[in-house]
Protein backbone atom coordinates (compact mmCIF):
# COMPACT_ATOMS: atom_id res chain seq x y z
CA MET A 1 103.11 -175.48 55.24
CA ALA A 2 99.89 -174.34 56.63
CA ASP A 3 97.91 -171.74 55.11
CA GLU A 4 98.36 -169.42 58.06
CA ASP A 5 102.17 -169.73 57.94
CA ARG A 6 102.03 -168.90 54.09
CA LYS A 7 100.01 -165.65 54.87
CA ASP A 8 102.67 -164.53 57.45
CA GLU A 9 105.33 -165.20 55.02
CA ASP A 10 103.56 -163.11 52.22
CA ARG A 11 103.30 -160.24 54.66
CA LEU A 12 107.16 -160.30 55.23
CA SER A 13 109.58 -158.33 52.96
CA ALA A 14 112.04 -160.21 50.75
CA VAL A 15 114.84 -159.42 53.32
CA GLU A 16 112.62 -160.63 56.27
CA ARG A 17 111.84 -163.78 54.29
CA MET A 18 115.42 -164.52 53.58
CA LEU A 19 116.47 -163.79 57.32
CA ALA A 20 113.65 -166.13 58.40
CA ARG A 21 114.96 -168.92 56.16
CA ASP A 22 118.51 -168.33 57.41
CA LEU A 23 117.36 -168.53 61.01
CA GLU A 24 115.36 -171.82 60.24
CA GLU A 25 118.27 -173.45 58.44
CA VAL A 26 121.20 -172.48 61.01
CA ASP A 27 120.05 -172.58 64.77
CA GLY A 28 122.33 -171.72 67.39
CA VAL A 29 125.29 -170.73 65.13
CA GLY A 30 127.68 -167.95 66.19
CA LYS A 31 128.73 -166.26 69.38
CA PRO A 32 126.79 -163.91 71.71
CA LEU A 33 127.75 -160.27 71.30
CA SER A 34 130.21 -158.97 73.81
CA ARG A 35 129.27 -156.74 76.65
CA ARG A 36 131.07 -153.68 74.85
CA ALA A 37 129.13 -154.36 71.57
CA ARG A 38 125.86 -154.49 73.34
CA GLN A 39 126.47 -151.30 75.32
CA THR A 40 128.00 -149.24 72.61
CA ARG A 41 125.82 -146.46 71.63
CA ARG A 42 124.77 -146.64 67.86
CA SER A 43 124.34 -143.24 66.13
CA VAL A 44 124.67 -141.75 62.82
CA GLU A 45 127.41 -139.55 64.21
CA ALA A 46 129.38 -142.48 65.37
CA TYR A 47 128.97 -144.23 61.93
CA LEU A 48 130.19 -141.23 60.05
CA GLN A 49 133.03 -140.57 62.31
CA ALA A 50 134.07 -144.42 61.92
CA GLY A 51 134.12 -144.03 58.08
CA VAL A 52 136.26 -140.95 57.79
CA ARG A 53 139.79 -140.20 58.78
CA PRO A 54 139.93 -137.37 61.33
CA ARG A 55 141.24 -134.15 60.17
CA TRP A 56 144.30 -134.25 62.45
CA MET A 57 145.29 -137.48 60.82
CA GLU A 58 144.96 -136.11 57.35
CA ARG A 59 146.88 -132.92 58.42
CA LEU A 60 149.85 -134.92 59.75
CA GLY A 61 150.05 -136.89 56.43
CA GLU A 62 149.95 -133.60 54.49
CA ILE A 63 152.75 -132.26 56.87
CA ASP A 64 154.80 -135.35 56.27
CA ALA A 65 154.40 -135.45 52.66
CA LEU A 66 155.30 -131.70 52.45
CA ILE A 67 158.47 -132.13 54.63
CA GLY A 68 159.39 -134.96 52.42
CA ARG A 69 159.03 -132.83 49.25
CA GLU A 70 160.98 -130.13 50.67
CA THR A 71 163.82 -132.49 51.94
CA ARG A 72 164.04 -133.86 48.33
CA ARG A 73 164.26 -130.44 46.86
CA LEU A 74 166.90 -129.37 49.38
CA GLU A 75 168.90 -132.47 48.63
CA ARG A 76 168.99 -131.64 44.97
CA ALA A 77 170.05 -128.09 45.58
CA TYR A 78 172.66 -129.18 48.04
CA THR A 79 174.18 -131.73 45.54
CA ALA A 80 174.13 -129.22 42.72
CA LEU A 81 175.90 -126.46 44.80
CA ARG A 82 178.45 -128.97 46.20
CA GLU A 83 179.27 -129.94 42.57
CA GLU A 84 179.40 -126.25 41.62
CA HIS A 85 181.89 -125.55 44.44
CA ARG A 86 183.81 -128.71 44.48
CA GLY A 87 187.25 -127.58 45.90
CA ASP A 88 185.96 -124.43 47.72
CA HIS A 89 184.44 -125.45 50.99
CA GLY A 90 184.31 -121.76 52.16
CA ALA A 91 182.35 -120.57 49.02
CA PHE A 92 179.92 -123.60 49.32
CA ALA A 93 179.36 -122.95 52.99
CA ALA A 94 178.57 -119.18 52.51
CA ARG A 95 176.18 -119.81 49.57
CA TRP A 96 174.50 -122.80 51.34
CA ARG A 97 173.82 -120.58 54.41
CA ALA A 98 172.38 -117.92 52.12
CA LEU A 99 170.38 -120.42 50.34
CA ALA A 100 168.98 -121.91 53.57
CA ARG A 101 168.25 -118.34 54.90
CA GLY A 102 166.12 -117.50 51.77
CA TRP A 103 164.27 -120.88 51.49
CA ARG A 104 160.58 -120.57 52.03
CA PHE A 105 158.38 -123.00 53.95
CA ASP A 106 155.21 -121.04 54.08
CA ASP A 107 152.78 -123.86 53.20
CA VAL A 108 154.30 -126.50 55.56
CA ASN A 109 154.58 -123.93 58.35
CA GLU A 110 150.88 -122.89 58.00
CA LEU A 111 149.84 -126.64 58.33
CA ILE A 112 152.22 -127.11 61.33
CA ARG A 113 150.75 -124.03 63.05
CA GLN A 114 147.22 -125.30 62.42
CA HIS A 115 148.37 -128.67 63.79
CA ASN A 116 149.77 -127.23 67.00
CA GLU A 117 146.65 -125.20 67.53
CA TRP A 118 144.05 -127.78 66.68
CA PHE A 119 145.36 -131.18 67.33
CA PRO A 120 144.82 -131.37 71.16
CA ILE A 121 141.35 -130.17 70.68
CA GLU A 122 140.58 -132.50 67.79
CA ARG A 123 142.03 -135.47 69.78
CA GLN A 124 140.45 -134.35 72.90
CA LEU A 125 143.68 -134.53 75.02
CA PRO A 126 143.30 -134.12 78.63
CA ILE A 127 145.44 -131.39 80.46
CA ASP A 128 147.93 -132.11 82.83
CA PRO A 129 147.23 -130.11 86.06
CA ARG A 130 151.00 -130.01 86.99
CA THR A 131 152.28 -128.43 83.65
CA ARG A 132 148.88 -126.77 82.85
CA ASP A 133 149.45 -128.11 79.29
CA TYR A 134 147.99 -130.89 77.32
CA VAL A 135 149.36 -134.36 78.10
CA LEU A 136 152.22 -135.93 75.97
CA VAL A 137 151.15 -138.38 73.17
CA GLY A 138 153.08 -141.63 73.31
CA GLY A 139 155.51 -139.86 75.77
CA ARG A 140 156.32 -137.10 73.32
CA PRO A 141 154.91 -133.52 72.79
CA TYR A 142 152.45 -133.15 70.13
CA ARG A 143 153.83 -129.77 68.99
CA ARG A 144 155.78 -129.86 65.77
CA ALA A 145 158.62 -127.28 65.10
CA GLU A 146 158.09 -124.94 62.25
CA LEU A 147 160.60 -125.34 59.38
CA GLY A 148 163.47 -122.63 58.86
CA PRO A 149 167.18 -122.00 58.10
CA ASP A 150 168.06 -123.89 61.36
CA TRP A 151 166.16 -127.03 60.27
CA VAL A 152 167.86 -126.78 56.63
CA LEU A 153 171.28 -126.53 58.30
CA GLU A 154 170.49 -129.28 60.60
CA LYS A 155 169.48 -131.63 57.80
CA PHE A 156 172.22 -130.48 55.52
CA PRO A 157 175.21 -129.01 57.13
CA ALA A 158 177.38 -126.31 55.59
């Protein structure tokens, strides 16, 4: 190696020297970048967004987990009440309806309200000019119904 090449190599950082060696050893390996990769804007904001789940996605996971929790609690209560009123269907139905009316879903419903309000904005959904509402997501409305006595009785009929 010539003295001039050695001086150039001494000025390079360790990473630059490693990359230079790799380029010398393997010439022409790999494929060219796609047009999309070449034109995609690189920014700190894009990098941070790529590494973090969006809030709407976290919120939907929380909603589904809370609905699952409430479903399991209701199932246990339903089974226990059914055992308690084994031969008396009328008494079971009356007590179950009363329990369904009194069941609280405050935490789940608050998240559902947040979802219904913020989801279209967070997802940047376009508005349908005919309906003057946000477009459907996968052919279905994005809004979720709040939980209440009707939901309980639909899942677990009296």
